[in-house]
N, C-alpha and C. Protein backbone atom coordinates (compact mmCIF):
# COMPACT_ATOMS: atom_id res chain seq x y z
N MET A 1 -24.74 13.44 2.16
CA MET A 1 -23.74 12.60 2.78
C MET A 1 -24.35 11.88 3.97
N LYS A 2 -24.02 10.62 4.08
CA LYS A 2 -24.44 9.83 5.22
C LYS A 2 -23.22 9.64 6.12
N LEU A 3 -23.39 9.93 7.41
CA LEU A 3 -22.28 9.84 8.36
C LEU A 3 -22.73 9.06 9.58
N THR A 4 -21.89 8.11 10.00
CA THR A 4 -22.12 7.36 11.23
C THR A 4 -20.84 7.41 12.05
N ILE A 5 -20.97 7.75 13.32
CA ILE A 5 -19.82 7.76 14.23
C ILE A 5 -20.19 6.93 15.44
N ILE A 6 -19.35 5.95 15.77
CA ILE A 6 -19.54 5.14 16.97
C ILE A 6 -18.24 5.24 17.77
N PRO A 7 -18.21 6.16 18.74
CA PRO A 7 -16.96 6.45 19.46
C PRO A 7 -16.33 5.25 20.16
N VAL A 8 -17.11 4.39 20.78
CA VAL A 8 -16.53 3.28 21.54
C VAL A 8 -15.72 2.34 20.64
N ASP A 9 -16.10 2.24 19.36
CA ASP A 9 -15.37 1.39 18.40
C ASP A 9 -14.32 2.17 17.63
N GLY A 10 -14.28 3.49 17.80
CA GLY A 10 -13.41 4.31 16.96
C GLY A 10 -13.84 4.19 15.51
N SER A 11 -15.15 4.06 15.31
CA SER A 11 -15.68 3.79 13.98
C SER A 11 -16.30 5.05 13.39
N VAL A 12 -15.88 5.37 12.17
CA VAL A 12 -16.44 6.49 11.43
C VAL A 12 -16.73 5.99 10.02
N GLY A 13 -17.98 6.21 9.60
CA GLY A 13 -18.37 5.81 8.25
C GLY A 13 -18.96 6.98 7.51
N GLU A 14 -18.44 7.21 6.33
CA GLU A 14 -19.00 8.25 5.47
C GLU A 14 -19.53 7.53 4.24
N ASN A 15 -20.82 7.74 3.98
CA ASN A 15 -21.53 7.00 2.95
C ASN A 15 -21.36 5.52 3.24
N ASP A 16 -20.72 4.73 2.41
CA ASP A 16 -20.61 3.30 2.67
C ASP A 16 -19.19 2.86 3.00
N LYS A 17 -18.31 3.80 3.31
CA LYS A 17 -16.92 3.46 3.60
C LYS A 17 -16.63 3.71 5.07
N PHE A 18 -16.35 2.64 5.80
CA PHE A 18 -16.13 2.72 7.24
C PHE A 18 -14.67 2.44 7.59
N TYR A 19 -14.22 3.11 8.64
CA TYR A 19 -12.93 2.81 9.25
C TYR A 19 -13.18 2.58 10.72
N ASP A 20 -12.69 1.46 11.23
CA ASP A 20 -12.81 1.12 12.64
C ASP A 20 -11.46 1.28 13.31
N GLY A 21 -11.49 1.45 14.61
CA GLY A 21 -10.25 1.52 15.37
C GLY A 21 -9.52 2.84 15.22
N LEU A 22 -10.21 3.88 14.78
CA LEU A 22 -9.57 5.19 14.67
C LEU A 22 -9.37 5.78 16.06
N ASP A 23 -8.31 6.52 16.24
CA ASP A 23 -8.08 7.19 17.52
C ASP A 23 -8.85 8.50 17.52
N LEU A 24 -9.98 8.49 18.21
CA LEU A 24 -10.85 9.67 18.27
C LEU A 24 -10.68 10.42 19.58
N SER A 25 -9.67 10.06 20.36
CA SER A 25 -9.50 10.64 21.69
C SER A 25 -9.29 12.15 21.67
N SER A 26 -8.75 12.68 20.59
CA SER A 26 -8.51 14.13 20.53
C SER A 26 -9.73 14.91 20.04
N CYS A 27 -10.83 14.22 19.78
CA CYS A 27 -12.02 14.89 19.21
C CYS A 27 -12.98 15.42 20.28
N ASN A 28 -12.68 15.19 21.54
CA ASN A 28 -13.52 15.71 22.64
C ASN A 28 -14.98 15.28 22.52
N ILE A 29 -15.18 14.01 22.25
CA ILE A 29 -16.54 13.47 22.17
C ILE A 29 -17.08 13.33 23.59
N PRO A 30 -18.27 13.85 23.86
CA PRO A 30 -18.85 13.68 25.20
C PRO A 30 -18.93 12.21 25.57
N GLY A 31 -18.62 11.89 26.81
CA GLY A 31 -18.54 10.50 27.27
C GLY A 31 -19.84 9.74 27.21
N ASP A 32 -20.97 10.42 27.18
CA ASP A 32 -22.24 9.73 27.18
C ASP A 32 -22.79 9.46 25.78
N VAL A 33 -22.02 9.77 24.73
CA VAL A 33 -22.48 9.57 23.35
C VAL A 33 -22.21 8.14 22.92
N HIS A 34 -23.26 7.50 22.44
CA HIS A 34 -23.12 6.15 21.88
C HIS A 34 -22.83 6.23 20.38
N ALA A 35 -23.56 7.10 19.67
CA ALA A 35 -23.39 7.18 18.22
C ALA A 35 -23.96 8.49 17.70
N LEU A 36 -23.52 8.84 16.51
CA LEU A 36 -24.10 9.95 15.78
C LEU A 36 -24.51 9.41 14.42
N GLN A 37 -25.72 9.75 14.01
CA GLN A 37 -26.23 9.37 12.69
C GLN A 37 -26.58 10.65 11.95
N TRP A 38 -26.17 10.76 10.71
CA TRP A 38 -26.41 11.97 9.92
C TRP A 38 -26.76 11.57 8.51
N GLN A 39 -27.77 12.24 7.94
CA GLN A 39 -28.15 12.01 6.55
C GLN A 39 -28.40 13.35 5.88
N ASP A 40 -27.46 13.77 5.04
CA ASP A 40 -27.54 15.00 4.25
C ASP A 40 -27.62 16.28 5.07
N THR A 41 -28.78 16.61 5.64
CA THR A 41 -28.94 17.90 6.32
C THR A 41 -29.38 17.78 7.77
N ALA A 42 -29.58 16.57 8.26
CA ALA A 42 -30.04 16.41 9.64
C ALA A 42 -29.67 15.02 10.15
N GLY A 43 -29.79 14.86 11.46
CA GLY A 43 -29.49 13.57 12.06
C GLY A 43 -29.84 13.56 13.52
N TRP A 44 -29.17 12.69 14.27
CA TRP A 44 -29.41 12.60 15.70
C TRP A 44 -28.20 12.03 16.41
N ILE A 45 -28.16 12.31 17.69
CA ILE A 45 -27.11 11.76 18.56
C ILE A 45 -27.79 10.75 19.47
N GLU A 46 -27.23 9.56 19.53
CA GLU A 46 -27.72 8.50 20.42
C GLU A 46 -26.84 8.48 21.66
N TYR A 47 -27.47 8.24 22.81
CA TYR A 47 -26.75 8.25 24.08
C TYR A 47 -26.66 6.84 24.66
N ASN A 48 -25.66 6.64 25.54
CA ASN A 48 -25.44 5.33 26.15
C ASN A 48 -26.59 4.94 27.07
N SER A 49 -27.17 5.89 27.75
CA SER A 49 -28.24 5.61 28.70
C SER A 49 -29.57 5.45 27.96
N PRO A 50 -30.28 4.36 28.24
CA PRO A 50 -31.59 4.19 27.61
C PRO A 50 -32.61 5.22 28.13
N LEU A 51 -32.27 5.91 29.19
CA LEU A 51 -33.17 6.91 29.76
C LEU A 51 -33.07 8.25 29.04
N VAL A 52 -32.01 8.42 28.23
CA VAL A 52 -31.82 9.68 27.52
C VAL A 52 -32.27 9.47 26.07
N GLU A 53 -33.20 10.31 25.62
CA GLU A 53 -33.72 10.20 24.26
C GLU A 53 -32.67 10.70 23.25
N ASN A 54 -32.79 10.18 22.04
CA ASN A 54 -31.94 10.66 20.95
C ASN A 54 -32.15 12.16 20.79
N GLN A 55 -31.06 12.86 20.51
CA GLN A 55 -31.13 14.31 20.33
C GLN A 55 -31.07 14.62 18.83
N PRO A 56 -32.16 15.19 18.28
CA PRO A 56 -32.11 15.58 16.86
C PRO A 56 -31.13 16.73 16.66
N ILE A 57 -30.43 16.71 15.52
CA ILE A 57 -29.48 17.79 15.22
C ILE A 57 -29.66 18.22 13.76
N THR A 58 -29.41 19.48 13.51
CA THR A 58 -29.44 20.00 12.14
C THR A 58 -28.08 20.57 11.76
N GLU A 59 -27.13 20.43 12.68
CA GLU A 59 -25.77 20.89 12.44
C GLU A 59 -24.83 19.91 13.13
N LEU A 60 -23.76 19.57 12.46
CA LEU A 60 -22.79 18.64 13.05
C LEU A 60 -22.03 19.34 14.17
N PRO A 61 -21.89 18.70 15.33
CA PRO A 61 -21.07 19.28 16.39
C PRO A 61 -19.59 19.28 16.01
N ALA A 62 -18.81 20.11 16.66
CA ALA A 62 -17.38 20.21 16.36
C ALA A 62 -16.69 18.86 16.48
N TRP A 63 -17.06 18.06 17.47
CA TRP A 63 -16.41 16.76 17.65
C TRP A 63 -16.68 15.84 16.46
N ALA A 64 -17.84 15.97 15.82
CA ALA A 64 -18.15 15.14 14.65
C ALA A 64 -17.28 15.56 13.47
N ASN A 65 -17.06 16.87 13.34
CA ASN A 65 -16.16 17.34 12.27
C ASN A 65 -14.75 16.83 12.49
N CYS A 66 -14.32 16.77 13.74
CA CYS A 66 -13.00 16.21 14.07
C CYS A 66 -12.95 14.73 13.67
N CYS A 67 -14.02 14.00 13.95
CA CYS A 67 -14.08 12.58 13.56
C CYS A 67 -14.03 12.43 12.05
N MET A 68 -14.68 13.33 11.33
CA MET A 68 -14.63 13.28 9.87
C MET A 68 -13.20 13.53 9.37
N THR A 69 -12.47 14.40 10.05
CA THR A 69 -11.07 14.64 9.69
C THR A 69 -10.27 13.36 9.89
N LYS A 70 -10.52 12.64 10.98
CA LYS A 70 -9.83 11.36 11.23
C LYS A 70 -10.17 10.35 10.13
N TRP A 71 -11.42 10.34 9.68
CA TRP A 71 -11.84 9.46 8.60
C TRP A 71 -11.09 9.82 7.31
N THR A 72 -10.99 11.12 7.03
CA THR A 72 -10.30 11.58 5.83
C THR A 72 -8.83 11.18 5.87
N GLU A 73 -8.21 11.32 7.03
CA GLU A 73 -6.80 10.92 7.17
C GLU A 73 -6.64 9.43 6.91
N ALA A 74 -7.56 8.62 7.43
CA ALA A 74 -7.49 7.17 7.22
C ALA A 74 -7.75 6.82 5.76
N ASN A 75 -8.53 7.64 5.08
CA ASN A 75 -8.91 7.39 3.69
C ASN A 75 -7.87 7.92 2.70
N THR A 76 -6.88 8.66 3.19
CA THR A 76 -5.86 9.24 2.31
C THR A 76 -4.69 8.27 2.19
N PRO A 77 -4.42 7.77 0.98
CA PRO A 77 -3.31 6.84 0.83
C PRO A 77 -1.98 7.50 1.15
N VAL A 78 -1.13 6.74 1.79
CA VAL A 78 0.21 7.22 2.11
C VAL A 78 1.10 6.96 0.89
N PRO A 79 1.73 7.99 0.36
CA PRO A 79 2.58 7.76 -0.81
C PRO A 79 3.75 6.84 -0.44
N PRO A 80 4.11 5.96 -1.36
CA PRO A 80 5.22 5.05 -1.05
C PRO A 80 6.52 5.82 -0.84
N GLN A 81 7.28 5.35 0.10
CA GLN A 81 8.58 5.96 0.39
C GLN A 81 9.61 5.44 -0.62
N PRO A 82 10.51 6.29 -1.06
CA PRO A 82 11.56 5.80 -1.98
C PRO A 82 12.39 4.72 -1.29
N SER A 83 12.83 3.77 -2.07
CA SER A 83 13.64 2.68 -1.54
C SER A 83 14.98 3.20 -1.02
N THR A 84 15.46 2.56 0.03
CA THR A 84 16.78 2.90 0.55
C THR A 84 17.83 2.23 -0.33
N ALA A 85 19.08 2.66 -0.18
CA ALA A 85 20.16 2.04 -0.95
C ALA A 85 20.26 0.55 -0.61
N GLU A 86 20.06 0.22 0.66
CA GLU A 86 20.15 -1.18 1.08
C GLU A 86 19.03 -2.01 0.46
N GLN A 87 17.82 -1.45 0.39
CA GLN A 87 16.71 -2.16 -0.25
C GLN A 87 16.98 -2.37 -1.74
N ASN A 88 17.51 -1.35 -2.39
CA ASN A 88 17.82 -1.48 -3.82
C ASN A 88 18.93 -2.50 -4.05
N LYS A 89 19.91 -2.52 -3.16
CA LYS A 89 20.98 -3.52 -3.27
C LYS A 89 20.39 -4.92 -3.14
N SER A 90 19.51 -5.10 -2.16
CA SER A 90 18.88 -6.39 -1.94
C SER A 90 18.07 -6.82 -3.17
N THR A 91 17.34 -5.89 -3.76
CA THR A 91 16.57 -6.18 -4.97
C THR A 91 17.50 -6.59 -6.11
N ALA A 92 18.59 -5.86 -6.27
CA ALA A 92 19.55 -6.17 -7.34
C ALA A 92 20.14 -7.56 -7.14
N VAL A 93 20.52 -7.88 -5.92
CA VAL A 93 21.09 -9.20 -5.64
C VAL A 93 20.07 -10.29 -5.95
N SER A 94 18.80 -10.06 -5.59
CA SER A 94 17.75 -11.04 -5.89
C SER A 94 17.60 -11.23 -7.39
N LYS A 95 17.62 -10.13 -8.14
CA LYS A 95 17.49 -10.22 -9.60
C LYS A 95 18.68 -10.98 -10.20
N LEU A 96 19.86 -10.73 -9.66
CA LEU A 96 21.04 -11.45 -10.15
C LEU A 96 20.94 -12.94 -9.81
N ASN A 97 20.54 -13.24 -8.58
CA ASN A 97 20.40 -14.65 -8.17
C ASN A 97 19.40 -15.38 -9.06
N ALA A 98 18.32 -14.70 -9.44
CA ALA A 98 17.28 -15.33 -10.26
C ALA A 98 17.76 -15.63 -11.68
N THR A 99 18.83 -14.97 -12.11
CA THR A 99 19.33 -15.19 -13.48
C THR A 99 20.73 -15.79 -13.50
N ASP A 100 21.21 -16.24 -12.35
CA ASP A 100 22.54 -16.87 -12.30
C ASP A 100 22.67 -18.03 -13.29
N TRP A 101 21.59 -18.78 -13.47
CA TRP A 101 21.65 -19.95 -14.35
C TRP A 101 22.05 -19.58 -15.78
N THR A 102 21.82 -18.35 -16.18
CA THR A 102 22.15 -17.95 -17.56
C THR A 102 23.66 -17.83 -17.77
N THR A 103 24.42 -17.82 -16.69
CA THR A 103 25.88 -17.68 -16.80
C THR A 103 26.59 -19.03 -16.92
N ILE A 104 25.85 -20.12 -16.78
CA ILE A 104 26.45 -21.45 -16.94
C ILE A 104 26.79 -21.63 -18.42
N PRO A 105 28.05 -21.89 -18.75
CA PRO A 105 28.48 -21.93 -20.15
C PRO A 105 27.66 -22.88 -21.03
N ASP A 106 27.30 -24.04 -20.52
CA ASP A 106 26.58 -25.04 -21.33
C ASP A 106 25.19 -24.56 -21.76
N VAL A 107 24.58 -23.65 -20.99
CA VAL A 107 23.21 -23.21 -21.28
C VAL A 107 23.11 -22.56 -22.66
N GLY A 108 24.13 -21.80 -23.05
CA GLY A 108 24.09 -21.12 -24.33
C GLY A 108 24.92 -21.77 -25.42
N ASP A 109 25.39 -22.98 -25.17
CA ASP A 109 26.26 -23.66 -26.14
C ASP A 109 25.46 -24.74 -26.89
N PRO A 110 25.23 -24.54 -28.20
CA PRO A 110 24.43 -25.51 -28.95
C PRO A 110 25.10 -26.88 -29.08
N THR A 111 26.41 -26.95 -28.84
CA THR A 111 27.08 -28.24 -28.90
C THR A 111 26.93 -29.02 -27.61
N LYS A 112 26.47 -28.35 -26.54
CA LYS A 112 26.36 -29.02 -25.25
C LYS A 112 24.93 -29.07 -24.71
N SER A 113 24.05 -28.23 -25.26
CA SER A 113 22.65 -28.20 -24.80
C SER A 113 21.73 -28.16 -25.99
N ASN A 114 20.68 -28.96 -25.90
CA ASN A 114 19.67 -28.94 -26.94
C ASN A 114 18.32 -29.12 -26.27
N PRO A 115 17.52 -28.10 -26.18
CA PRO A 115 17.69 -26.76 -26.75
C PRO A 115 18.71 -25.95 -25.95
N TYR A 116 19.12 -24.83 -26.54
CA TYR A 116 20.08 -23.95 -25.88
C TYR A 116 19.49 -22.54 -25.84
N LEU A 117 19.98 -21.75 -24.88
CA LEU A 117 19.53 -20.36 -24.73
C LEU A 117 20.25 -19.54 -25.78
N SER A 118 19.50 -19.09 -26.78
CA SER A 118 20.15 -18.41 -27.90
C SER A 118 20.32 -16.91 -27.67
N ASN A 119 19.75 -16.38 -26.63
CA ASN A 119 19.92 -14.94 -26.37
C ASN A 119 20.66 -14.70 -25.05
N VAL A 120 21.71 -15.45 -24.85
CA VAL A 120 22.53 -15.29 -23.65
C VAL A 120 23.04 -13.86 -23.53
N GLN A 121 23.40 -13.25 -24.66
CA GLN A 121 23.94 -11.89 -24.63
C GLN A 121 22.94 -10.90 -24.04
N ASP A 122 21.65 -11.10 -24.27
CA ASP A 122 20.64 -10.22 -23.68
C ASP A 122 20.70 -10.29 -22.15
N PHE A 123 20.93 -11.49 -21.63
CA PHE A 123 21.03 -11.67 -20.18
C PHE A 123 22.33 -11.07 -19.64
N VAL A 124 23.39 -11.13 -20.42
CA VAL A 124 24.66 -10.51 -20.01
C VAL A 124 24.46 -9.00 -19.86
N VAL A 125 23.82 -8.37 -20.83
CA VAL A 125 23.56 -6.92 -20.78
C VAL A 125 22.67 -6.60 -19.58
N TYR A 126 21.61 -7.37 -19.39
CA TYR A 126 20.69 -7.17 -18.27
C TYR A 126 21.43 -7.29 -16.94
N ARG A 127 22.18 -8.36 -16.77
CA ARG A 127 22.89 -8.59 -15.51
C ARG A 127 23.94 -7.51 -15.24
N ASN A 128 24.60 -7.02 -16.27
CA ASN A 128 25.58 -5.94 -16.08
C ASN A 128 24.90 -4.68 -15.57
N ALA A 129 23.73 -4.37 -16.12
CA ALA A 129 22.99 -3.18 -15.67
C ALA A 129 22.53 -3.34 -14.23
N VAL A 130 22.02 -4.52 -13.89
CA VAL A 130 21.54 -4.77 -12.52
C VAL A 130 22.71 -4.81 -11.54
N ARG A 131 23.82 -5.39 -11.95
CA ARG A 131 24.99 -5.53 -11.07
C ARG A 131 25.49 -4.17 -10.57
N GLN A 132 25.34 -3.13 -11.40
CA GLN A 132 25.78 -1.80 -10.97
C GLN A 132 25.10 -1.38 -9.67
N TYR A 133 23.82 -1.75 -9.52
CA TYR A 133 23.09 -1.39 -8.30
C TYR A 133 23.45 -2.29 -7.13
N ALA A 134 23.93 -3.49 -7.42
CA ALA A 134 24.37 -4.38 -6.34
C ALA A 134 25.73 -3.94 -5.82
N VAL A 135 26.58 -3.47 -6.71
CA VAL A 135 27.93 -3.05 -6.34
C VAL A 135 27.95 -1.62 -5.82
N TYR A 136 27.20 -0.75 -6.47
CA TYR A 136 27.14 0.67 -6.09
C TYR A 136 25.69 1.06 -5.80
N PRO A 137 25.15 0.60 -4.68
CA PRO A 137 23.74 0.84 -4.39
C PRO A 137 23.43 2.33 -4.21
N VAL A 138 22.26 2.72 -4.70
CA VAL A 138 21.78 4.09 -4.56
C VAL A 138 20.37 4.04 -3.96
N ALA A 139 20.02 5.11 -3.26
CA ALA A 139 18.67 5.23 -2.73
C ALA A 139 17.77 5.83 -3.79
N GLY A 140 16.49 5.60 -3.66
CA GLY A 140 15.51 6.18 -4.57
C GLY A 140 14.83 5.12 -5.40
N ASN A 141 13.89 5.57 -6.20
CA ASN A 141 13.17 4.66 -7.07
C ASN A 141 14.00 4.42 -8.33
N ILE A 142 14.21 3.16 -8.62
CA ILE A 142 15.04 2.77 -9.75
C ILE A 142 14.16 2.26 -10.88
N ASN A 143 14.45 2.68 -12.08
CA ASN A 143 13.80 2.14 -13.26
C ASN A 143 14.60 0.92 -13.68
N TRP A 144 14.25 -0.22 -13.10
CA TRP A 144 15.01 -1.45 -13.33
C TRP A 144 14.93 -1.86 -14.79
N PRO A 145 16.03 -2.40 -15.34
CA PRO A 145 15.98 -2.89 -16.71
C PRO A 145 15.01 -4.07 -16.81
N ALA A 146 14.41 -4.23 -17.97
CA ALA A 146 13.46 -5.32 -18.18
C ALA A 146 14.20 -6.65 -18.29
N LEU A 147 13.68 -7.63 -17.61
CA LEU A 147 14.23 -8.99 -17.69
C LEU A 147 13.99 -9.52 -19.11
N PRO A 148 15.06 -9.97 -19.77
CA PRO A 148 14.88 -10.50 -21.14
C PRO A 148 14.00 -11.75 -21.14
N GLN A 149 13.30 -11.92 -22.23
CA GLN A 149 12.51 -13.13 -22.43
C GLN A 149 13.46 -14.24 -22.86
N GLU A 150 13.33 -15.42 -22.31
CA GLU A 150 14.18 -16.54 -22.71
C GLU A 150 13.84 -16.97 -24.14
N VAL A 151 14.88 -17.13 -24.96
CA VAL A 151 14.68 -17.64 -26.32
C VAL A 151 15.47 -18.95 -26.43
N TRP A 152 14.74 -20.04 -26.54
CA TRP A 152 15.35 -21.36 -26.64
C TRP A 152 15.32 -21.82 -28.08
N THR A 153 16.46 -22.32 -28.55
CA THR A 153 16.58 -22.78 -29.92
C THR A 153 17.02 -24.25 -29.91
N THR A 154 16.44 -24.99 -30.84
CA THR A 154 16.79 -26.41 -30.94
C THR A 154 17.70 -26.63 -32.16
N VAL A 155 18.69 -27.49 -31.96
CA VAL A 155 19.60 -27.80 -33.07
C VAL A 155 19.11 -28.99 -33.83
């Protein structure tokens, strides 16, 4: 494993994946440390003062392990939160608004439109299912009904 820690930037990189701006304040990093470099079984600590030589290390200090924990936390995806009832209601209203045009009587009438929407009933079923969530919103992840494909027929 390759590890780079640059405290002033809040930067921790493991192998080729870096995170900057991490809050490392709880890791108790000595104030004179500029960076830590590690490759597999050994590394060194670089200091801010040019008068202090790099310190070779064969074991990661406790503060470096703390920084690695911060890197792991940043690298762990946060699971999505279930939608609130209000968010689901808003989604339902948007879905209904996007299909409002299917309720215009002329759209599905072959005597008034050419071409005409020949599967209006599919949209009626879809909109009825979606409307339930607009009228009676629930929290949680919803398995939304599939939007019907438009089928246009020419007379």
